[in-house]
Every structure is written in C-alpha cells, then in structure tokens.
C-alpha cells in the first residue's frame, strides 16, 4: 500500500513541484548505506601513478574504481589524464588540456548533458562505484548541490528535446537527395525516405527548425496543411504538389 502512495505522490510532484525540490527529495529518500565521501585531494591520490593508492576517476561527482581498465586509465593509457579527478566536461568536448579537464559542465547544452549521463551509465555498468567526491556536485554531507540539480534539469530538457526531434522525424521524414555536376541537385520523397516507412509519399519542403540557423529537406504529407506553417517553405520553381524538386544551391 505504501508503494502505491509513493507512486501517487511522485505523479503529483512531477506536475506541480519545482524540479529542484523534487531532485533533492529523490536523492534524500533513495539513500542506502552511508556512502564514502572523498575530497578532491583524496581522489587525486588514486591516479594510478607509482605510490598511489589505486586507480579512481569521477564523473558528475560519482567515483569509480577503474583498475580493471588499467590499460586505458593507468600510466601510458589514452585516458590516464582523467584518473584521480572529475573531468566530466572532457567526456563531451574531448579537450584533454589542463583547462579542459574540469568538472564544470555548466556550458554544455541539454543534449550534451544527456550524452554525459550516458557516460555515467556506462561507468555504473562496467565499474565498481566507490562513493562521491565532495565539491561541485556533492556537499560535505553527500547531498546534491545546485550544480548537480542544474545538470539534472538540463538532462530532463535534453530528453525532452530528443523526444521532440524523434517525433518530428516521424511527422516530417527527410527527403532523398542527390547531386551531380551535370544535372545539379535534386530532392524527392518516397514511401521510405528518411528511413521512415509509410503509406504516403509526400512533397519536399524546406524545414526551418527553431534554434537552428540551418534548414533541411523534409517530406510533408499534406501540402495544403503546410501552407499555414511558417517553418515550412516551398522550393523555388517547384510545383506545390510535385514529389521531386530541382535544387539550384
């Protein structure tokens, strides 16, 4: 009975409560045995170098024992620069310089943060969790900080954006395209264009996505309905109901 009450509470909370409060609640109510808390200095003692205590790294404040990946994270390994620290941002940027090996992920986009959480899931799956590093993401008592809550909020936004993008690809599948020096460019629609199999063919239109300066060719099922959408534009010198259009540029 208690579990049903908890689920009902979460359903209401997701709708009415701020994400920051809900995140703190989930962290505080999902606590098991006391976790090990390491300072940044303590974590640095696990860099795998001679005389070190072991081979650890952290991502988003969570510490993992990666000694089984010695060839990757130990001295001479391609990712040794990440040992003994939290270099979360470098997993996305690929910047392995001293300034790039940082746990400051505030400049990452929501989709990049989502990719970072994919890395976190990888480490949870492949390596043993050691504990938490005190600093940017966790306080001295192991509670999530504002930076972690911000990252989790960005994760939710990234998931929303991805779901919206996937839905858009189904609604507006990509066109087929080709180009030759003799004939120029051509875009056209088919029942399988864009990797989306469907019963309709559609007509090519230029789709301007919000927040992006670029355009892409998509197939629209109903040309008349697309007339009212300012983000969908016809190709020049192409009949409105044609399923193939020449492209000059």
Protein backbone atom coordinates (compact mmCIF):
# COMPACT_ATOMS: atom_id res chain seq x y z
CA UNK A 1 0.00 0.00 0.00
CA UNK A 2 2.81 2.36 0.89
CA UNK A 3 4.41 1.90 -2.54
CA UNK A 4 1.17 2.95 -4.25
CA UNK A 5 1.03 6.08 -2.13
CA UNK A 6 4.64 6.93 -3.03
CA UNK A 7 3.98 6.48 -6.77
CA UNK A 8 0.87 8.64 -6.49
CA UNK A 9 2.92 11.32 -4.71
CA UNK A 10 5.53 11.30 -7.48
CA UNK A 11 2.84 11.63 -10.15
CA UNK A 12 1.52 14.77 -8.48
CA UNK A 13 5.01 16.08 -7.70
CA UNK A 14 6.19 15.90 -11.31
CA UNK A 15 3.30 18.14 -12.34
CA UNK A 16 3.19 20.67 -9.52
CA UNK A 17 6.57 20.82 -7.77
CA UNK A 18 9.77 22.55 -8.95
CA UNK A 19 12.36 20.15 -10.35
CA UNK A 20 14.96 21.42 -7.87
CA UNK A 21 12.82 20.36 -4.89
CA UNK A 22 11.86 17.03 -6.46
CA UNK A 23 15.51 16.22 -7.23
CA UNK A 24 16.53 16.85 -3.63
CA UNK A 25 13.64 14.70 -2.40
CA UNK A 26 14.62 11.78 -4.63
CA UNK A 27 18.27 11.98 -3.56
CA UNK A 28 17.39 12.14 0.12
CA UNK A 29 14.80 9.32 0.06
CA UNK A 30 16.90 6.98 -2.07
CA UNK A 31 19.72 6.68 0.42
CA UNK A 32 21.05 3.25 1.32
CA UNK A 33 24.08 2.56 3.49
CA UNK A 34 26.37 5.57 4.11
CA UNK A 35 28.48 6.27 1.05
CA UNK A 36 32.18 7.00 1.05
CA UNK A 37 32.96 10.69 0.63
CA UNK A 38 36.29 11.75 -0.85
CA UNK A 39 37.77 15.21 -1.03
CA UNK A 40 39.38 16.33 -4.28
CA UNK A 41 42.78 15.82 -2.68
CA UNK A 42 41.91 12.28 -1.59
CA UNK A 43 40.69 11.47 -5.08
CA UNK A 44 43.97 12.76 -6.56
CA UNK A 45 45.84 10.08 -4.58
CA UNK A 46 44.20 7.44 -6.81
CA UNK A 47 45.74 8.44 -10.12
CA UNK A 48 47.45 5.09 -10.75
CA UNK A 49 50.95 6.54 -10.61
CA UNK A 50 53.72 4.81 -8.66
CA UNK A 51 52.96 5.02 -4.96
CA UNK A 52 49.28 5.88 -5.48
CA UNK A 53 46.51 4.16 -3.56
CA UNK A 54 44.71 2.83 -6.62
CA UNK A 55 43.03 3.95 -9.81
CA UNK A 56 39.87 6.01 -9.48
CA UNK A 57 38.08 8.61 -11.54
CA UNK A 58 34.91 10.58 -11.08
CA UNK A 59 32.16 11.71 -13.40
CA UNK A 60 29.41 14.07 -12.29
CA UNK A 61 30.75 13.67 -8.75
CA UNK A 62 30.41 9.88 -8.63
CA UNK A 63 33.67 7.98 -8.06
CA UNK A 64 34.52 4.69 -9.77
CA UNK A 65 37.31 2.16 -9.30
CA UNK A 66 38.68 1.68 -12.82
CA UNK A 67 41.68 -0.53 -12.06
CA UNK A 68 40.19 -3.17 -14.37
CA UNK A 69 40.66 -0.63 -17.16
CA UNK A 70 44.34 -0.14 -16.32
CA UNK A 71 45.38 -0.12 -19.98
CA UNK A 72 43.05 2.82 -20.62
CA UNK A 73 43.32 4.81 -17.39
CA UNK A 74 46.70 3.82 -15.99
CA UNK A 75 50.03 5.50 -16.82
CA UNK A 76 50.54 5.45 -20.57
CA UNK A 77 46.84 4.87 -21.25
CA UNK A 78 44.88 7.11 -23.59
CA UNK A 79 42.65 8.34 -20.76
CA UNK A 80 45.18 8.45 -17.95
CA UNK A 81 44.67 12.21 -17.77
CA UNK A 82 41.22 11.56 -16.29
CA UNK A 83 42.49 9.41 -13.42
CA UNK A 84 42.34 10.85 -9.92
CA UNK A 85 39.92 13.65 -10.82
CA UNK A 86 36.48 14.57 -12.06
CA UNK A 87 36.93 15.66 -15.67
CA UNK A 88 33.27 15.42 -16.66
CA UNK A 89 33.31 18.10 -19.35
CA UNK A 90 36.17 16.46 -21.25
CA UNK A 91 34.00 13.40 -21.97
CA UNK A 92 31.92 15.61 -24.24
CA UNK A 93 34.38 18.21 -25.51
CA UNK A 94 37.39 15.94 -25.96
CA UNK A 95 39.53 18.73 -24.56
CA UNK A 96 42.21 16.94 -22.53
CA UNK A 97 44.22 20.04 -21.75
CA UNK A 98 44.65 21.20 -18.16
CA UNK A 99 41.81 23.69 -18.51
CA UNK A 100 39.61 21.20 -20.34
CA UNK A 101 39.89 18.52 -17.67
CA UNK A 102 37.27 20.08 -15.43
CA UNK A 103 34.02 19.12 -13.76
CA UNK A 104 32.36 22.40 -14.75
CA UNK A 105 29.61 21.31 -17.16
CA UNK A 106 27.52 24.49 -16.92
CA UNK A 107 28.37 25.45 -20.52
CA UNK A 108 27.15 22.16 -22.01
CA UNK A 109 23.89 22.09 -23.94
CA UNK A 110 21.00 19.88 -22.76
CA UNK A 111 21.76 17.30 -25.45
CA UNK A 112 25.43 17.27 -24.44
CA UNK A 113 24.45 16.80 -20.80
CA UNK A 114 22.28 13.87 -21.86
CA UNK A 115 25.32 12.34 -23.59
CA UNK A 116 27.33 12.88 -20.39
CA UNK A 117 24.75 10.92 -18.42
CA UNK A 118 25.16 8.13 -20.97
CA UNK A 119 28.83 8.04 -19.96
CA UNK A 120 27.79 7.92 -16.31
CA UNK A 121 25.53 4.95 -17.06
CA UNK A 122 28.47 3.24 -18.80
CA UNK A 123 30.70 3.56 -15.73
CA UNK A 124 27.93 2.34 -13.45
CA UNK A 125 27.55 -0.70 -15.68
CA UNK A 126 31.23 -1.51 -16.21
CA UNK A 127 33.00 -0.44 -13.00
CA UNK A 128 32.53 -0.56 -9.26
CA UNK A 129 31.10 2.53 -7.62
CA UNK A 130 33.32 3.81 -4.81
CA UNK A 131 31.46 6.84 -3.49
CA UNK A 132 31.16 10.57 -4.07
CA UNK A 133 33.66 13.36 -4.40
CA UNK A 134 32.99 16.44 -2.30
CA UNK A 135 32.99 19.60 -4.36
CA UNK A 136 30.97 20.79 -7.30
CA UNK A 137 28.23 18.17 -7.28
CA UNK A 138 28.05 16.95 -3.70
CA UNK A 139 28.35 18.72 -0.35
CA UNK A 140 30.44 17.60 2.60
CA UNK A 141 27.44 15.58 3.80
CA UNK A 142 26.94 13.93 0.42
CA UNK A 143 23.89 15.96 -0.57
CA UNK A 144 23.41 17.16 -4.17
CA UNK A 145 24.49 20.73 -4.80
CA UNK A 146 22.89 23.33 -7.02
CA UNK A 147 25.32 22.37 -9.81
CA UNK A 148 24.08 18.77 -9.80
CA UNK A 149 20.46 19.86 -9.74
CA UNK A 150 21.20 22.16 -12.68
CA UNK A 151 22.76 19.24 -14.57
CA UNK A 152 19.76 17.03 -13.85
CA UNK A 153 17.39 19.77 -15.00
CA UNK A 154 19.41 20.07 -18.21
CA UNK A 155 19.22 16.28 -18.60
CA UNK A 156 15.41 16.41 -18.47
CA UNK A 157 15.41 19.20 -21.08
CA UNK A 158 17.76 17.17 -23.30
CA UNK A 159 15.45 14.16 -23.08
CA UNK A 160 12.50 16.37 -23.99
CA UNK A 161 14.37 17.81 -26.97
CA UNK A 162 15.38 14.35 -28.18
CA UNK A 163 11.81 13.06 -27.91
CA UNK A 164 10.57 16.10 -29.81
CA UNK A 165 13.19 15.57 -32.50
CA UNK A 166 12.27 11.90 -32.88
CA UNK A 167 8.58 12.80 -33.16
CA UNK A 168 9.43 15.46 -35.75
CA UNK A 169 11.37 12.92 -37.84
CA UNK A 170 8.29 10.71 -37.98
CA UNK A 171 5.97 13.60 -38.80
CA UNK A 172 8.40 15.13 -41.31
CA UNK A 173 10.72 12.39 -42.68
CA UNK A 174 13.84 13.53 -44.50
CA UNK A 175 13.92 13.74 -48.29
CA UNK A 176 16.07 11.68 -50.59
CA UNK A 177 18.74 13.79 -52.25
CA UNK A 178 21.35 13.61 -55.00
CA UNK A 179 23.74 15.91 -56.77
CA UNK A 180 25.75 15.71 -59.97
CA UNK A 181 27.93 18.20 -61.82
CA UNK A 182 25.82 17.70 -64.93
CA UNK A 183 22.30 17.82 -63.51
CA UNK A 184 22.78 19.77 -60.29
CA UNK A 185 20.86 18.90 -57.15
CA UNK A 186 17.56 17.13 -56.66
CA UNK A 187 15.43 16.28 -53.62
CA UNK A 188 12.49 13.91 -53.70
CA UNK A 189 10.14 11.96 -51.48
CA UNK A 190 9.25 8.27 -51.42
CA UNK A 191 7.48 5.90 -49.04
CA UNK A 192 10.86 5.08 -47.44
CA UNK A 193 12.70 8.41 -47.48
CA UNK A 194 14.35 9.45 -44.25
CA UNK A 195 14.33 5.84 -43.09
CA UNK A 196 10.63 6.15 -42.19
CA UNK A 197 8.42 3.62 -43.98
CA UNK A 198 4.90 4.89 -44.52
CA UNK A 199 1.88 4.63 -46.82
CA UNK A 200 2.22 8.17 -48.19
CA UNK A 201 4.90 9.76 -50.40
CA UNK A 202 4.67 13.46 -49.58
CA UNK A 203 6.17 16.57 -51.15
CA UNK A 204 9.56 18.20 -50.46
CA UNK A 205 9.64 21.27 -48.26
CA UNK A 206 12.40 23.24 -46.52
CA UNK A 207 12.04 22.95 -42.75
CA UNK A 208 13.43 25.73 -40.57
CA UNK A 209 13.89 24.36 -37.04
CA UNK A 210 13.64 26.64 -34.01
CA UNK A 211 17.01 27.50 -32.51
CA UNK A 212 18.89 26.43 -35.63
CA UNK A 213 20.21 28.56 -38.47
CA UNK A 214 20.18 25.63 -40.89
CA UNK A 215 17.39 24.07 -42.92
CA UNK A 216 16.72 20.52 -44.00
CA UNK A 217 14.56 18.97 -46.66
CA UNK A 218 11.57 17.07 -45.31
CA UNK A 219 8.59 15.28 -46.81
CA UNK A 220 5.18 16.71 -45.97
CA UNK A 221 2.11 14.52 -46.31
CA UNK A 222 -0.46 17.29 -46.79
CA UNK A 223 0.81 20.27 -48.85
CA UNK A 224 -2.28 22.36 -48.10
CA UNK A 225 -1.87 21.96 -44.33
CA UNK A 226 1.77 23.02 -44.63
CA UNK A 227 0.71 26.36 -46.09
CA UNK A 228 -0.06 27.67 -42.60
CA UNK A 229 3.27 26.61 -41.10
CA UNK A 230 5.87 29.42 -41.40
CA UNK A 231 8.68 26.91 -40.73
CA UNK A 232 7.86 25.01 -43.92
CA UNK A 233 8.72 26.65 -47.24
CA UNK A 234 8.43 25.53 -50.84
CA UNK A 235 11.40 25.09 -53.14
CA UNK A 236 11.73 27.76 -55.80
CA UNK A 237 10.38 26.87 -59.25
CA UNK A 238 8.92 23.60 -57.99
CA UNK A 239 5.19 22.79 -58.38
CA UNK A 240 3.50 22.65 -54.95
CA UNK A 241 2.32 19.05 -55.41
CA UNK A 242 5.45 17.65 -57.04
CA UNK A 243 7.25 14.86 -55.19
CA UNK A 244 10.60 15.87 -56.73
CA UNK A 245 12.29 19.27 -56.89
CA UNK A 246 15.45 20.59 -58.51
CA UNK A 247 17.78 22.45 -56.17
CA UNK A 248 19.98 25.21 -57.53
CA UNK A 249 22.18 25.80 -54.47
